[in-house]
Amino acid sequence: MNKAVLAVIIVNVLFSIKGFKDTIFFEKFKFQIAPIRKGESIRMLSSGFLHVDQTHLFFNMFTLYIFADSVIAHIGIAKFIIIYFGSLIGGSLLALNFHKKEPYYSAVGASGAVMGIVYASIMLNPGMNLYMFFIPIPIPAYIFGVGYLLYSIFGMKKNWGNIGHSAHLGGAIGGFILTIALYPQIIQENQLMVIILAIPIVLMFVFKDKLERE
């Protein structure tokens, strides 16, 4: 594992453990609409290092572990860090916009940042396959990426589960845009993959008005 990835995981683990044990700390730094709109912008960033429980933390960090090194191998540590934090903020921004009329809406987790890295990894490695625990055959990573984003779009509208769908989608958008900005030759190298992964993002913007809550 790259040292930069290990450092990000360690910070997430330490920050999350603090939140598990200290309710005041957790409440102070979680993503919540009303405090953010009153000026507590630090929550846009700090919430990405808190998690609900150990399972939530494990799955986010395990997913990061799987995809991060391939991003670093292609574009380097500095650009990986930019995509990670840019996607984290992208997830928070979309959640803030989508839930702006819900002052008590709150969320935590590195999912937005991790989805940005997942999207970047798939764009940079178009032939990547994933092995799911319940599926005995390899699944093309781009199918997972597009499918999960489509699920997030419908999840935003239907409010499926206790999941920050908007943060996932915002993080993926951040990863998509930043990967192109930091590695523009990807448009020529993996043009088809860029187009495929853009589909759920375009759909989100097309149906944005219908997705927003009343």
Protein backbone atom coordinates (compact mmCIF):
# COMPACT_ATOMS: atom_id res chain seq x y z
CA MET A 1 0.00 0.00 0.00
CA ASN A 2 1.28 3.47 -0.88
CA LYS A 3 2.26 5.58 2.13
CA ALA A 4 -0.13 8.37 1.09
CA VAL A 5 -3.05 5.94 1.07
CA LEU A 6 -1.98 4.54 4.42
CA ALA A 7 -1.82 8.07 5.86
CA VAL A 8 -5.36 8.86 4.64
CA ILE A 9 -6.65 5.62 6.15
CA ILE A 10 -4.92 6.28 9.48
CA VAL A 11 -6.42 9.78 9.72
CA ASN A 12 -9.87 8.37 8.95
CA VAL A 13 -9.48 5.65 11.58
CA LEU A 14 -8.22 7.99 14.31
CA PHE A 15 -10.83 10.66 13.61
CA SER A 16 -13.63 8.08 13.45
CA ILE A 17 -12.56 6.36 16.69
CA LYS A 18 -12.62 9.74 18.41
CA GLY A 19 -16.15 10.25 17.09
CA PHE A 20 -17.25 6.79 18.25
CA LYS A 21 -16.23 7.62 21.80
CA ASP A 22 -17.04 11.34 21.98
CA THR A 23 -20.60 12.34 21.07
CA ILE A 24 -19.87 16.05 21.40
CA PHE A 25 -16.95 15.75 18.99
CA PHE A 26 -19.09 13.78 16.54
CA GLU A 27 -21.94 16.32 16.65
CA LYS A 28 -19.53 19.24 16.25
CA PHE A 29 -17.87 17.93 13.09
CA LYS A 30 -20.59 15.96 11.27
CA PHE A 31 -22.22 17.29 8.10
CA GLN A 32 -25.45 19.09 8.98
CA ILE A 33 -27.30 21.60 6.83
CA ALA A 34 -28.33 24.22 9.42
CA PRO A 35 -24.89 24.73 11.06
CA ILE A 36 -23.16 24.79 7.66
CA ARG A 37 -25.54 27.44 6.36
CA LYS A 38 -24.76 29.46 9.50
CA GLY A 39 -21.06 29.48 8.63
CA GLU A 40 -19.62 26.23 10.04
CA SER A 41 -18.00 25.33 6.72
CA ILE A 42 -15.41 23.07 8.37
CA ARG A 43 -18.14 20.42 8.57
CA MET A 44 -17.98 20.12 4.77
CA LEU A 45 -14.50 18.63 5.20
CA SER A 46 -14.45 17.14 8.69
CA SER A 47 -17.57 15.01 8.13
CA GLY A 48 -15.60 13.04 5.54
CA PHE A 49 -13.37 11.65 8.29
CA LEU A 50 -16.18 10.57 10.63
CA HIS A 51 -18.11 7.31 10.32
CA VAL A 52 -21.25 5.91 11.90
CA ASP A 53 -19.63 2.68 13.10
CA GLN A 54 -16.75 0.30 12.50
CA THR A 55 -18.48 -1.45 9.59
CA HIS A 56 -19.07 1.86 7.81
CA LEU A 57 -15.42 2.78 8.36
CA PHE A 58 -14.13 -0.60 7.21
CA PHE A 59 -16.02 -0.69 3.92
CA ASN A 60 -15.00 2.85 2.97
CA MET A 61 -11.35 2.24 3.81
CA PHE A 62 -11.32 -1.19 2.14
CA THR A 63 -12.75 0.30 -1.05
CA LEU A 64 -10.14 3.06 -0.93
CA TYR A 65 -7.42 0.45 -0.46
CA ILE A 66 -8.61 -1.47 -3.53
CA PHE A 67 -8.72 1.50 -5.93
CA ALA A 68 -6.23 4.09 -4.66
CA ASP A 69 -2.91 2.57 -5.70
CA SER A 70 -3.95 2.29 -9.34
CA VAL A 71 -4.74 6.01 -9.39
CA ILE A 72 -1.36 6.87 -7.85
CA ALA A 73 0.43 4.58 -10.32
CA HIS A 74 -1.02 6.56 -13.23
CA ILE A 75 -0.98 10.17 -12.04
CA GLY A 76 1.10 10.34 -8.84
CA ILE A 77 0.52 11.06 -5.17
CA ALA A 78 -0.13 14.81 -5.43
CA LYS A 79 -2.93 14.40 -7.97
CA PHE A 80 -4.38 11.50 -5.97
CA ILE A 81 -4.63 13.78 -2.93
CA ILE A 82 -6.25 16.53 -5.01
CA ILE A 83 -8.86 14.10 -6.36
CA TYR A 84 -9.53 12.64 -2.90
CA PHE A 85 -10.14 15.96 -1.17
CA GLY A 86 -11.79 17.53 -4.21
CA SER A 87 -14.25 14.64 -4.39
CA LEU A 88 -14.91 14.88 -0.66
CA ILE A 89 -15.84 18.56 -1.03
CA GLY A 90 -17.79 17.78 -4.21
CA GLY A 91 -19.90 15.28 -2.29
CA SER A 92 -20.55 17.79 0.47
CA LEU A 93 -21.47 20.53 -2.01
CA LEU A 94 -24.02 18.37 -3.82
CA ALA A 95 -25.49 17.18 -0.51
CA LEU A 96 -25.74 20.79 0.67
CA ASN A 97 -27.50 21.81 -2.54
CA PHE A 98 -29.81 18.81 -2.69
CA HIS A 99 -30.84 18.95 0.98
CA LYS A 100 -30.79 22.75 1.37
CA LYS A 101 -34.42 22.79 2.55
CA GLU A 102 -33.77 20.14 5.22
CA PRO A 103 -31.99 21.95 8.10
CA TYR A 104 -31.65 18.82 10.21
CA TYR A 105 -30.23 16.63 7.44
CA SER A 106 -26.89 15.20 8.55
CA ALA A 107 -24.33 12.75 7.21
CA VAL A 108 -20.84 11.42 7.81
CA GLY A 109 -18.37 9.23 5.95
CA ALA A 110 -15.60 9.21 3.37
CA SER A 111 -17.95 7.84 0.70
CA GLY A 112 -17.84 10.95 -1.49
CA ALA A 113 -14.04 11.02 -1.51
CA VAL A 114 -13.83 7.27 -2.08
CA MET A 115 -16.33 7.38 -4.96
CA GLY A 116 -14.17 10.04 -6.59
CA ILE A 117 -11.17 7.72 -6.38
CA VAL A 118 -13.25 4.80 -7.67
CA TYR A 119 -14.34 6.84 -10.69
CA ALA A 120 -10.78 8.06 -11.31
CA SER A 121 -9.45 4.51 -11.10
CA ILE A 122 -12.01 3.17 -13.57
CA MET A 123 -11.31 6.01 -16.02
CA LEU A 124 -7.57 5.38 -15.82
CA ASN A 125 -7.91 1.58 -15.96
CA PRO A 126 -10.73 0.85 -18.42
CA GLY A 127 -10.03 -2.88 -18.45
CA MET A 128 -10.34 -3.24 -14.67
CA ASN A 129 -12.54 -6.06 -13.35
CA LEU A 130 -14.04 -6.47 -9.89
CA TYR A 131 -14.81 -9.65 -7.98
CA MET A 132 -17.92 -9.45 -5.80
CA PHE A 133 -18.42 -11.80 -2.86
CA PHE A 134 -21.80 -12.99 -4.16
CA ILE A 135 -20.93 -13.15 -7.89
CA PRO A 136 -18.45 -15.88 -8.97
CA ILE A 137 -17.39 -14.13 -12.19
CA PRO A 138 -15.43 -10.88 -12.72
CA ILE A 139 -17.54 -7.76 -13.29
CA PRO A 140 -16.19 -4.92 -15.49
CA ALA A 141 -15.49 -2.02 -13.16
CA TYR A 142 -17.29 0.49 -15.38
CA ILE A 143 -20.54 -1.49 -14.97
CA PHE A 144 -20.16 -1.21 -11.21
CA GLY A 145 -19.42 2.52 -11.48
CA VAL A 146 -22.34 3.36 -13.74
CA GLY A 147 -24.73 1.03 -11.91
CA TYR A 148 -23.87 2.41 -8.50
CA LEU A 149 -24.28 5.99 -9.67
CA LEU A 150 -27.68 5.22 -11.24
CA TYR A 151 -28.67 3.58 -7.95
CA SER A 152 -27.54 6.74 -6.13
CA ILE A 153 -29.64 8.96 -8.41
CA PHE A 154 -32.80 6.97 -7.72
CA GLY A 155 -31.83 6.67 -4.06
CA MET A 156 -31.66 10.46 -3.80
CA LYS A 157 -35.20 10.80 -5.13
CA LYS A 158 -36.75 7.92 -3.21
CA ASN A 159 -34.69 8.44 -0.04
CA TRP A 160 -33.64 4.78 -0.03
CA GLY A 161 -31.97 3.66 3.15
CA ASN A 162 -29.90 5.63 5.62
CA ILE A 163 -27.32 6.43 2.92
CA GLY A 164 -25.83 9.71 1.68
CA HIS A 165 -26.64 9.12 -1.99
CA SER A 166 -26.04 12.77 -2.90
CA ALA A 167 -22.52 12.65 -1.43
CA HIS A 168 -21.74 9.53 -3.47
CA LEU A 169 -22.90 11.19 -6.65
CA GLY A 170 -21.15 14.48 -5.86
CA GLY A 171 -17.93 12.62 -5.11
CA ALA A 172 -18.11 10.75 -8.41
CA ILE A 173 -18.68 14.01 -10.27
CA GLY A 174 -15.67 15.49 -8.48
CA GLY A 175 -13.51 12.50 -9.39
CA PHE A 176 -14.68 12.59 -13.00
CA ILE A 177 -14.00 16.31 -13.49
CA LEU A 178 -10.71 16.39 -11.59
CA THR A 179 -9.31 13.33 -13.37
CA ILE A 180 -9.93 14.99 -16.73
CA ALA A 181 -8.53 18.31 -15.49
CA LEU A 182 -5.38 16.73 -14.04
CA TYR A 183 -4.87 14.15 -16.80
CA PRO A 184 -6.55 15.61 -19.93
CA GLN A 185 -4.97 13.06 -22.26
CA ILE A 186 -7.41 10.53 -20.82
CA ILE A 187 -10.04 11.92 -23.22
CA GLN A 188 -7.99 10.56 -26.13
CA GLU A 189 -6.64 7.46 -24.40
CA ASN A 190 -9.92 6.17 -22.93
CA GLN A 191 -12.57 8.16 -24.78
CA LEU A 192 -15.26 5.49 -24.69
CA MET A 193 -14.85 4.97 -20.95
CA VAL A 194 -15.08 8.71 -20.32
CA ILE A 195 -18.35 8.82 -22.27
CA ILE A 196 -19.80 5.78 -20.48
CA LEU A 197 -18.98 7.12 -17.02
CA ALA A 198 -20.42 10.52 -17.95
CA ILE A 199 -23.88 9.04 -18.59
CA PRO A 200 -25.19 8.97 -14.98
CA ILE A 201 -23.70 12.41 -14.33
CA VAL A 202 -25.46 13.87 -17.37
CA LEU A 203 -28.71 12.20 -16.31
CA MET A 204 -28.41 13.75 -12.87
CA PHE A 205 -28.15 17.25 -14.33
CA VAL A 206 -30.93 16.63 -16.85
CA PHE A 207 -33.35 15.51 -14.13
CA LYS A 208 -31.98 17.78 -11.39
CA ASP A 209 -35.27 19.64 -10.85
CA LYS A 210 -37.20 16.39 -10.46
CA LEU A 211 -34.65 15.00 -8.02
CA GLU A 212 -34.66 17.97 -5.65
CA ARG A 213 -36.92 17.78 -2.63
CA GLU A 214 -39.87 20.09 -2.25
